[in-house]
Amino acid sequence: MPGQIRYTRTRRVQIAPAVLERHRIAALANDDTADAFRLLRTQVLMQMRQKGWQTVALTSPNKGVGKSTLALNLALSFAMEVDHTALLVDADLRDPDVGALLELPPSPGLADYLVGSGAIEDLLIHPGIGNLVILPGGSPVANTSELLRSPMMSDLVTELRGRYSDRLIVFDVPPILAGADTLALSAYVDATILVVEEGRTTPEDFSRARELLAGCTVMGIVLNKSRNAASPDAPRRSWTSRLRAALGGTD
C-alpha cells in the first residue's frame, strides 16, 4: 500500500468493495485476475519509465470491449505503486463510463470544464483507493472533437502533467472508429494502447483502427476477454482473468 496523500480540497467519495466486484474492478484483489493487471502495469510502466512518458490513452476500435474497465484497473494499479500517484481522465465525452463503473452520483467533469462551467480543482474526485484521483467526463456533449482540440484542453493536459512530477495519467478515450475524438487527443498524450476483444473485434475493424492510429505512438495492444486459459491444463477462468497483454509487439 502506498503512502497515502492527504487530499484537502479534492472531493472524496468512498467506494464500497461490492461496487468494485460488481464492475470487475479487479486490480486490488489477491488472485490471478489481479496478477494479470499487475503484469500489464509492469509492462506499461517499463516502457513509460524508459521513455520518460507520463501519459497514456486507452482506446478500442468499437464500444463494448472493456476499454473503460481496463483503463480504471490500470489507473488503480498505478495508484498502488509506492512512488506514483495516478489520475484517470474520462475523456470519452460522448459516452463517459468511468463514473458508472464506480457508481458515482452524476457530477460535473471534463466536459463542463471545457465549456467554462467548472474549475478543475472542483471537479476531481478521490475514490478513497490508494493515490488515485479521477476526473469524470461530466454531462455528455455533442461537439466533442472541437472541445478536445481546444486550447483549454491543451492547457489542461499541460497543467495536469506539471502539477505532480510523480503523477501518471491514464486517459479513457473514445473508440477510434466512432469519430475524430481520439485523434484530436493524440497530440496531448505520450502513447496509446489499443484494446480489442476476442470474438468481437473483427479483423476489418482492427486493421482500420491500426490505420487510423498510424500517426500515433501505439505502445501496444491488449487482447481482452480471451477464451484461452493460460495453459492447456488450466481451468477456464472468470471474465476478467482472461486477459492477455501484447505490448511492444509481443504476445
C-alpha atoms as a PDB file:
ATOM      1  CA  MET A   1       0.000   0.000   0.000  1.00  0.00           C
ATOM      2  CA  PRO A   2       1.483   3.353  -0.988  1.00  0.00           C
ATOM      3  CA  GLY A   3       1.917   6.190   1.425  1.00  0.00           C
ATOM      4  CA  GLN A   4      -1.411   7.954   1.452  1.00  0.00           C
ATOM      5  CA  ILE A   5      -1.674  11.556   0.284  1.00  0.00           C
ATOM      6  CA  ARG A   6      -3.932  13.756   2.337  1.00  0.00           C
ATOM      7  CA  TYR A   7      -6.466  15.285  -0.039  1.00  0.00           C
ATOM      8  CA  THR A   8      -7.632  18.576   1.446  1.00  0.00           C
ATOM      9  CA  ARG A   9      -9.650  20.003  -1.438  1.00  0.00           C
ATOM     10  CA  THR A  10     -10.307  17.081  -3.770  1.00  0.00           C
ATOM     11  CA  ARG A  11     -13.760  15.679  -3.109  1.00  0.00           C
ATOM     12  CA  ARG A  12     -13.650  12.209  -1.553  1.00  0.00           C
ATOM     13  CA  VAL A  13     -16.244   9.558  -2.330  1.00  0.00           C
ATOM     14  CA  GLN A  14     -15.844   6.204  -0.609  1.00  0.00           C
ATOM     15  CA  ILE A  15     -16.384   3.259  -2.956  1.00  0.00           C
ATOM     16  CA  ALA A  16     -17.788   0.066  -1.443  1.00  0.00           C
ATOM     17  CA  PRO A  17     -15.881  -3.168  -2.218  1.00  0.00           C
ATOM     18  CA  ALA A  18     -19.095  -4.652  -3.637  1.00  0.00           C
ATOM     19  CA  VAL A  19     -19.132  -1.941  -6.312  1.00  0.00           C
ATOM     20  CA  LEU A  20     -15.623  -2.872  -7.424  1.00  0.00           C
ATOM     21  CA  GLU A  21     -16.539  -6.561  -7.595  1.00  0.00           C
ATOM     22  CA  ARG A  22     -19.778  -5.877  -9.446  1.00  0.00           C
ATOM     23  CA  HIS A  23     -17.990  -3.944 -12.193  1.00  0.00           C
ATOM     24  CA  ARG A  24     -14.941  -6.219 -12.477  1.00  0.00           C
ATOM     25  CA  ILE A  25     -12.511  -3.742 -10.934  1.00  0.00           C
ATOM     26  CA  ALA A  26     -10.062  -6.471 -10.006  1.00  0.00           C
ATOM     27  CA  ALA A  27      -6.705  -4.685  -9.727  1.00  0.00           C
ATOM     28  CA  LEU A  28      -6.896  -4.662  -5.915  1.00  0.00           C
ATOM     29  CA  ALA A  29      -7.725  -8.358  -5.496  1.00  0.00           C
ATOM     30  CA  ASN A  30      -5.279 -11.068  -4.483  1.00  0.00           C
ATOM     31  CA  ASP A  31      -5.871 -13.612  -7.230  1.00  0.00           C
ATOM     32  CA  ASP A  32      -4.918 -14.492 -10.791  1.00  0.00           C
ATOM     33  CA  THR A  33      -7.140 -11.743 -12.145  1.00  0.00           C
ATOM     34  CA  ALA A  34      -5.263  -9.063 -10.250  1.00  0.00           C
ATOM     35  CA  ASP A  35      -1.979 -10.649 -11.320  1.00  0.00           C
ATOM     36  CA  ALA A  36      -2.948 -10.088 -14.958  1.00  0.00           C
ATOM     37  CA  PHE A  37      -3.435  -6.387 -14.311  1.00  0.00           C
ATOM     38  CA  ARG A  38      -0.193  -6.181 -12.337  1.00  0.00           C
ATOM     39  CA  LEU A  39       1.636  -7.755 -15.252  1.00  0.00           C
ATOM     40  CA  LEU A  40       0.055  -5.222 -17.590  1.00  0.00           C
ATOM     41  CA  ARG A  41       1.041  -2.404 -15.214  1.00  0.00           C
ATOM     42  CA  THR A  42       4.627  -3.666 -15.112  1.00  0.00           C
ATOM     43  CA  GLN A  43       4.870  -3.827 -18.889  1.00  0.00           C
ATOM     44  CA  VAL A  44       3.365  -0.371 -19.326  1.00  0.00           C
ATOM     45  CA  LEU A  45       5.491   1.199 -16.581  1.00  0.00           C
ATOM     46  CA  MET A  46       8.655  -0.292 -18.036  1.00  0.00           C
ATOM     47  CA  GLN A  47       8.084   1.478 -21.330  1.00  0.00           C
ATOM     48  CA  MET A  48       6.931   4.711 -19.703  1.00  0.00           C
ATOM     49  CA  ARG A  49       9.995   4.899 -17.469  1.00  0.00           C
ATOM     50  CA  GLN A  50      12.395   4.059 -20.272  1.00  0.00           C
ATOM     51  CA  LYS A  51      10.992   6.789 -22.484  1.00  0.00           C
ATOM     52  CA  GLY A  52      10.114   9.373 -19.848  1.00  0.00           C
ATOM     53  CA  TRP A  53       6.399   9.172 -20.599  1.00  0.00           C
ATOM     54  CA  GLN A  54       3.761  10.400 -18.169  1.00  0.00           C
ATOM     55  CA  THR A  55       0.511   9.978 -20.104  1.00  0.00           C
ATOM     56  CA  VAL A  56      -1.159   7.025 -21.806  1.00  0.00           C
ATOM     57  CA  ALA A  57      -4.518   6.745 -23.557  1.00  0.00           C
ATOM     58  CA  LEU A  58      -6.665   3.635 -23.928  1.00  0.00           C
ATOM     59  CA  THR A  59      -8.889   3.294 -26.962  1.00  0.00           C
ATOM     60  CA  SER A  60     -10.617   0.483 -28.857  1.00  0.00           C
ATOM     61  CA  PRO A  61     -11.974   0.013 -32.378  1.00  0.00           C
ATOM     62  CA  ASN A  62     -15.585  -0.011 -31.162  1.00  0.00           C
ATOM     63  CA  LYS A  63     -17.557   0.294 -27.941  1.00  0.00           C
ATOM     64  CA  GLY A  64     -18.169  -2.614 -25.602  1.00  0.00           C
ATOM     65  CA  VAL A  65     -14.787  -4.365 -25.485  1.00  0.00           C
ATOM     66  CA  GLY A  66     -13.995  -3.389 -21.881  1.00  0.00           C
ATOM     67  CA  LYS A  67     -11.819  -0.345 -22.586  1.00  0.00           C
ATOM     68  CA  SER A  68     -13.082   1.747 -19.665  1.00  0.00           C
ATOM     69  CA  THR A  69     -12.869  -1.185 -17.250  1.00  0.00           C
ATOM     70  CA  LEU A  70      -9.295  -1.784 -18.315  1.00  0.00           C
ATOM     71  CA  ALA A  71      -8.419   1.930 -18.028  1.00  0.00           C
ATOM     72  CA  LEU A  72      -9.771   2.028 -14.483  1.00  0.00           C
ATOM     73  CA  ASN A  73      -7.916  -1.138 -13.481  1.00  0.00           C
ATOM     74  CA  LEU A  74      -4.669   0.186 -14.960  1.00  0.00           C
ATOM     75  CA  ALA A  75      -5.020   3.532 -13.185  1.00  0.00           C
ATOM     76  CA  LEU A  76      -5.742   1.722  -9.909  1.00  0.00           C
ATOM     77  CA  SER A  77      -2.643  -0.399 -10.399  1.00  0.00           C
ATOM     78  CA  PHE A  78      -0.584   2.748 -10.944  1.00  0.00           C
ATOM     79  CA  ALA A  79      -2.076   4.314  -7.822  1.00  0.00           C
ATOM     80  CA  MET A  80      -0.952   1.400  -5.668  1.00  0.00           C
ATOM     81  CA  GLU A  81       2.710   1.958  -6.590  1.00  0.00           C
ATOM     82  CA  VAL A  82       4.712   3.486  -3.728  1.00  0.00           C
ATOM     83  CA  ASP A  83       6.403   6.069  -5.951  1.00  0.00           C
ATOM     84  CA  HIS A  84       3.470   7.228  -8.069  1.00  0.00           C
ATOM     85  CA  THR A  85       0.140   8.962  -7.916  1.00  0.00           C
ATOM     86  CA  ALA A  86      -2.384   8.316 -10.660  1.00  0.00           C
ATOM     87  CA  LEU A  87      -5.032  10.368 -12.411  1.00  0.00           C
ATOM     88  CA  LEU A  88      -7.748   8.784 -14.554  1.00  0.00           C
ATOM     89  CA  VAL A  89      -9.353  11.195 -17.024  1.00  0.00           C
ATOM     90  CA  ASP A  90     -12.647  10.133 -18.583  1.00  0.00           C
ATOM     91  CA  ALA A  91     -12.204  11.774 -21.980  1.00  0.00           C
ATOM     92  CA  ASP A  92     -14.934   9.760 -23.706  1.00  0.00           C
ATOM     93  CA  LEU A  93     -17.203  12.783 -23.670  1.00  0.00           C
ATOM     94  CA  ARG A  94     -19.932  11.293 -25.841  1.00  0.00           C
ATOM     95  CA  ASP A  95     -20.420   8.301 -23.570  1.00  0.00           C
ATOM     96  CA  PRO A  96     -18.485   8.674 -20.284  1.00  0.00           C
ATOM     97  CA  ASP A  97     -18.357   5.354 -18.421  1.00  0.00           C
ATOM     98  CA  VAL A  98     -15.903   5.735 -15.541  1.00  0.00           C
ATOM     99  CA  GLY A  99     -18.435   7.281 -13.166  1.00  0.00           C
ATOM    100  CA  ALA A 100     -20.887   4.466 -13.857  1.00  0.00           C
ATOM    101  CA  LEU A 101     -18.217   1.826 -13.189  1.00  0.00           C
ATOM    102  CA  LEU A 102     -17.699   3.295  -9.712  1.00  0.00           C
ATOM    103  CA  GLU A 103     -21.422   4.061  -9.286  1.00  0.00           C
ATOM    104  CA  LEU A 104     -20.634   7.708  -8.602  1.00  0.00           C
ATOM    105  CA  PRO A 105     -23.538  10.134  -8.435  1.00  0.00           C
ATOM    106  CA  PRO A 106     -23.856  12.391 -11.505  1.00  0.00           C
ATOM    107  CA  SER A 107     -21.425  15.278 -11.249  1.00  0.00           C
ATOM    108  CA  PRO A 108     -19.698  17.859 -13.447  1.00  0.00           C
ATOM    109  CA  GLY A 109     -16.486  16.798 -15.134  1.00  0.00           C
ATOM    110  CA  LEU A 110     -14.180  17.349 -18.068  1.00  0.00           C
ATOM    111  CA  ALA A 111     -16.928  18.441 -20.462  1.00  0.00           C
ATOM    112  CA  ASP A 112     -18.082  21.097 -18.009  1.00  0.00           C
ATOM    113  CA  TYR A 113     -14.533  22.401 -17.624  1.00  0.00           C
ATOM    114  CA  LEU A 114     -14.050  22.629 -21.390  1.00  0.00           C
ATOM    115  CA  VAL A 115     -17.199  24.727 -21.816  1.00  0.00           C
ATOM    116  CA  GLY A 116     -16.130  27.004 -18.979  1.00  0.00           C
ATOM    117  CA  SER A 117     -18.595  25.771 -16.361  1.00  0.00           C
ATOM    118  CA  GLY A 118     -16.239  24.493 -13.671  1.00  0.00           C
ATOM    119  CA  ALA A 119     -12.778  24.888 -12.165  1.00  0.00           C
ATOM    120  CA  ILE A 120     -10.663  21.764 -12.456  1.00  0.00           C
ATOM    121  CA  GLU A 121      -9.925  21.551  -8.725  1.00  0.00           C
ATOM    122  CA  ASP A 122     -13.666  21.388  -8.035  1.00  0.00           C
ATOM    123  CA  LEU A 123     -14.219  18.508 -10.466  1.00  0.00           C
ATOM    124  CA  LEU A 124     -11.634  15.989  -9.259  1.00  0.00           C
ATOM    125  CA  ILE A 125     -12.747  13.029  -7.138  1.00  0.00           C
ATOM    126  CA  HIS A 126     -10.689  10.835  -4.817  1.00  0.00           C
ATOM    127  CA  PRO A 127     -12.437   7.429  -4.562  1.00  0.00           C
ATOM    128  CA  GLY A 128     -10.622   6.504  -1.370  1.00  0.00           C
ATOM    129  CA  ILE A 129      -8.393   3.957  -3.117  1.00  0.00           C
ATOM    130  CA  GLY A 130      -4.644   4.426  -2.985  1.00  0.00           C
ATOM    131  CA  ASN A 131      -3.330   7.623  -4.524  1.00  0.00           C
ATOM    132  CA  LEU A 132      -5.931   7.674  -7.284  1.00  0.00           C
ATOM    133  CA  VAL A 133      -7.790  10.770  -8.433  1.00  0.00           C
ATOM    134  CA  ILE A 134     -10.499  10.740 -11.108  1.00  0.00           C
ATOM    135  CA  LEU A 135     -11.631  13.472 -13.464  1.00  0.00           C
ATOM    136  CA  PRO A 136     -15.087  12.281 -14.587  1.00  0.00           C
ATOM    137  CA  GLY A 137     -16.452  13.031 -18.038  1.00  0.00           C
ATOM    138  CA  GLY A 138     -19.403  15.088 -16.855  1.00  0.00           C
ATOM    139  CA  SER A 139     -22.533  15.561 -18.918  1.00  0.00           C
ATOM    140  CA  PRO A 140     -22.387  14.062 -22.445  1.00  0.00           C
ATOM    141  CA  VAL A 141     -21.891  16.716 -25.122  1.00  0.00           C
ATOM    142  CA  ALA A 142     -22.197  16.799 -28.911  1.00  0.00           C
ATOM    143  CA  ASN A 143     -19.256  18.855 -30.217  1.00  0.00           C
ATOM    144  CA  THR A 144     -16.679  16.629 -28.602  1.00  0.00           C
ATOM    145  CA  SER A 145     -13.916  16.789 -31.218  1.00  0.00           C
ATOM    146  CA  GLU A 146     -13.910  20.572 -31.155  1.00  0.00           C
ATOM    147  CA  LEU A 147     -13.735  20.628 -27.359  1.00  0.00           C
ATOM    148  CA  LEU A 148     -10.893  18.101 -27.244  1.00  0.00           C
ATOM    149  CA  ARG A 149      -8.893  20.111 -29.788  1.00  0.00           C
ATOM    150  CA  SER A 150      -9.474  23.393 -27.960  1.00  0.00           C
ATOM    151  CA  PRO A 151      -6.734  25.458 -26.271  1.00  0.00           C
ATOM    152  CA  MET A 152      -8.417  24.745 -22.934  1.00  0.00           C
ATOM    153  CA  MET A 153      -7.793  21.020 -23.375  1.00  0.00           C
ATOM    154  CA  SER A 154      -4.175  21.620 -24.299  1.00  0.00           C
ATOM    155  CA  ASP A 155      -3.695  23.881 -21.277  1.00  0.00           C
ATOM    156  CA  LEU A 156      -5.422  21.348 -19.024  1.00  0.00           C
ATOM    157  CA  VAL A 157      -3.135  18.484 -20.026  1.00  0.00           C
ATOM    158  CA  THR A 158      -0.098  20.733 -19.509  1.00  0.00           C
ATOM    159  CA  GLU A 159      -1.361  21.644 -16.034  1.00  0.00           C
ATOM    160  CA  LEU A 160      -2.173  18.050 -15.088  1.00  0.00           C
ATOM    161  CA  ARG A 161       1.246  16.860 -16.235  1.00  0.00           C
ATOM    162  CA  GLY A 162       3.130  19.594 -14.441  1.00  0.00           C
ATOM    163  CA  ARG A 163       1.355  19.690 -11.093  1.00  0.00           C
ATOM    164  CA  TYR A 164       2.948  16.483  -9.748  1.00  0.00           C
ATOM    165  CA  SER A 165       6.171  15.067 -11.170  1.00  0.00           C
ATOM    166  CA  ASP A 166       5.298  11.539  -9.979  1.00  0.00           C
ATOM    167  CA  ARG A 167       1.803  11.538 -11.477  1.00  0.00           C
ATOM    168  CA  LEU A 168       0.867   9.017 -14.168  1.00  0.00           C
ATOM    169  CA  ILE A 169      -2.177   9.995 -16.204  1.00  0.00           C
ATOM    170  CA  VAL A 170      -4.488   7.497 -17.891  1.00  0.00           C
ATOM    171  CA  PHE A 171      -6.958   8.830 -20.463  1.00  0.00           C
ATOM    172  CA  ASP A 172     -10.031   6.754 -21.258  1.00  0.00           C
ATOM    173  CA  VAL A 173     -10.689   7.982 -24.794  1.00  0.00           C
ATOM    174  CA  PRO A 174     -13.486   7.199 -27.275  1.00  0.00           C
ATOM    175  CA  PRO A 175     -13.402   4.233 -29.667  1.00  0.00           C
ATOM    176  CA  ILE A 176     -11.207   5.148 -32.618  1.00  0.00           C
ATOM    177  CA  LEU A 177     -13.820   4.183 -35.223  1.00  0.00           C
ATOM    178  CA  ALA A 178     -16.552   6.275 -33.584  1.00  0.00           C
ATOM    179  CA  GLY A 179     -15.210   9.650 -34.696  1.00  0.00           C
ATOM    180  CA  ALA A 180     -12.278  12.045 -34.618  1.00  0.00           C
ATOM    181  CA  ASP A 181     -12.096  12.450 -30.828  1.00  0.00           C
ATOM    182  CA  THR A 182      -9.235  10.015 -30.227  1.00  0.00           C
ATOM    183  CA  LEU A 183      -7.089  11.562 -32.949  1.00  0.00           C
ATOM    184  CA  ALA A 184      -7.836  15.002 -31.503  1.00  0.00           C
ATOM    185  CA  LEU A 185      -6.425  13.830 -28.175  1.00  0.00           C
ATOM    186  CA  SER A 186      -3.408  12.059 -29.620  1.00  0.00           C
ATOM    187  CA  ALA A 187      -1.372  15.266 -29.731  1.00  0.00           C
ATOM    188  CA  TYR A 188      -1.573  15.557 -25.933  1.00  0.00           C
ATOM    189  CA  VAL A 189      -0.631  12.020 -24.854  1.00  0.00           C
ATOM    190  CA  ASP A 190       2.687  10.209 -24.986  1.00  0.00           C
ATOM    191  CA  ALA A 191       1.350   6.841 -26.114  1.00  0.00           C
ATOM    192  CA  THR A 192      -1.818   4.905 -26.880  1.00  0.00           C
ATOM    193  CA  ILE A 193      -2.898   1.352 -26.036  1.00  0.00           C
ATOM    194  CA  LEU A 194      -5.414  -0.332 -28.326  1.00  0.00           C
ATOM    195  CA  VAL A 195      -7.886  -2.678 -26.592  1.00  0.00           C
ATOM    196  CA  VAL A 196      -9.514  -5.430 -28.643  1.00  0.00           C
ATOM    197  CA  GLU A 197     -11.863  -8.249 -27.655  1.00  0.00           C
ATOM    198  CA  GLU A 198     -11.515 -11.827 -28.770  1.00  0.00           C
ATOM    199  CA  GLY A 199     -14.542 -12.915 -30.763  1.00  0.00           C
ATOM    200  CA  ARG A 200     -15.958  -9.394 -31.008  1.00  0.00           C
ATOM    201  CA  THR A 201     -13.387  -7.168 -32.697  1.00  0.00           C
ATOM    202  CA  THR A 202     -13.368  -8.089 -36.381  1.00  0.00           C
ATOM    203  CA  PRO A 203     -10.139  -8.233 -38.414  1.00  0.00           C
ATOM    204  CA  GLU A 204     -11.512  -5.425 -40.574  1.00  0.00           C
ATOM    205  CA  ASP A 205     -12.162  -3.138 -37.590  1.00  0.00           C
ATOM    206  CA  PHE A 206      -8.773  -3.967 -36.118  1.00  0.00           C
ATOM    207  CA  SER A 207      -6.986  -3.135 -39.369  1.00  0.00           C
ATOM    208  CA  ARG A 208      -8.914   0.100 -39.785  1.00  0.00           C
ATOM    209  CA  ALA A 209      -8.135   1.128 -36.211  1.00  0.00           C
ATOM    210  CA  ARG A 210      -4.430   0.485 -36.752  1.00  0.00           C
ATOM    211  CA  GLU A 211      -4.535   2.573 -39.935  1.00  0.00           C
ATOM    212  CA  LEU A 212      -6.121   5.487 -38.112  1.00  0.00           C
ATOM    213  CA  LEU A 213      -3.551   5.239 -35.327  1.00  0.00           C
ATOM    214  CA  ALA A 214      -0.635   5.153 -37.767  1.00  0.00           C
ATOM    215  CA  GLY A 215       0.374   8.700 -36.835  1.00  0.00           C
ATOM    216  CA  CYS A 216       0.222   7.991 -33.093  1.00  0.00           C
ATOM    217  CA  THR A 217       2.682   6.271 -30.786  1.00  0.00           C
ATOM    218  CA  VAL A 218       0.990   2.915 -30.169  1.00  0.00           C
ATOM    219  CA  MET A 219       2.539   1.339 -27.087  1.00  0.00           C
ATOM    220  CA  GLY A 220       0.836  -1.972 -27.701  1.00  0.00           C
ATOM    221  CA  ILE A 221      -2.349  -3.986 -27.904  1.00  0.00           C
ATOM    222  CA  VAL A 222      -4.358  -5.632 -25.132  1.00  0.00           C
ATOM    223  CA  LEU A 223      -6.418  -8.691 -26.009  1.00  0.00           C
ATOM    224  CA  ASN A 224      -9.354  -8.628 -23.605  1.00  0.00           C
ATOM    225  CA  LYS A 225     -11.768 -11.424 -22.662  1.00  0.00           C
ATOM    226  CA  SER A 226      -9.586 -14.140 -24.118  1.00  0.00           C
ATOM    227  CA  ARG A 227     -11.269 -17.531 -24.007  1.00  0.00           C
ATOM    228  CA  ASN A 228      -7.978 -19.420 -23.818  1.00  0.00           C
ATOM    229  CA  ALA A 229      -6.630 -20.417 -20.445  1.00  0.00           C
ATOM    230  CA  ALA A 230      -3.012 -19.750 -19.552  1.00  0.00           C
ATOM    231  CA  SER A 231      -2.091 -23.404 -20.182  1.00  0.00           C
ATOM    232  CA  PRO A 232      -3.813 -26.436 -21.730  1.00  0.00           C
ATOM    233  CA  ASP A 233      -4.357 -27.952 -18.280  1.00  0.00           C
ATOM    234  CA  ALA A 234      -5.640 -24.767 -16.624  1.00  0.00           C
ATOM    235  CA  PRO A 235      -9.354 -24.449 -15.931  1.00  0.00           C
ATOM    236  CA  ARG A 236     -11.441 -21.801 -17.658  1.00  0.00           C
ATOM    237  CA  ARG A 237     -11.252 -18.584 -15.685  1.00  0.00           C
ATOM    238  CA  SER A 238     -13.530 -15.697 -14.907  1.00  0.00           C
ATOM    239  CA  TRP A 239     -14.269 -12.884 -17.386  1.00  0.00           C
ATOM    240  CA  THR A 240     -11.651 -10.515 -16.041  1.00  0.00           C
ATOM    241  CA  SER A 241      -8.850 -13.016 -15.689  1.00  0.00           C
ATOM    242  CA  ARG A 242      -8.946 -14.000 -19.364  1.00  0.00           C
ATOM    243  CA  LEU A 243      -6.758 -11.093 -20.348  1.00  0.00           C
ATOM    244  CA  ARG A 244      -3.558 -11.099 -22.332  1.00  0.00           C
ATOM    245  CA  ALA A 245      -1.254  -8.129 -22.804  1.00  0.00           C
ATOM    246  CA  ALA A 246       0.502  -7.737 -26.124  1.00  0.00           C
ATOM    247  CA  LEU A 247       2.786  -4.749 -25.593  1.00  0.00           C
ATOM    248  CA  GLY A 248       5.716  -3.861 -27.746  1.00  0.00           C
ATOM    249  CA  GLY A 249       4.516  -6.267 -30.419  1.00  0.00           C
ATOM    250  CA  THR A 250       4.887  -9.413 -28.290  1.00  0.00           C
ATOM    251  CA  ASP A 251       2.163 -11.881 -27.440  1.00  0.00           C
END
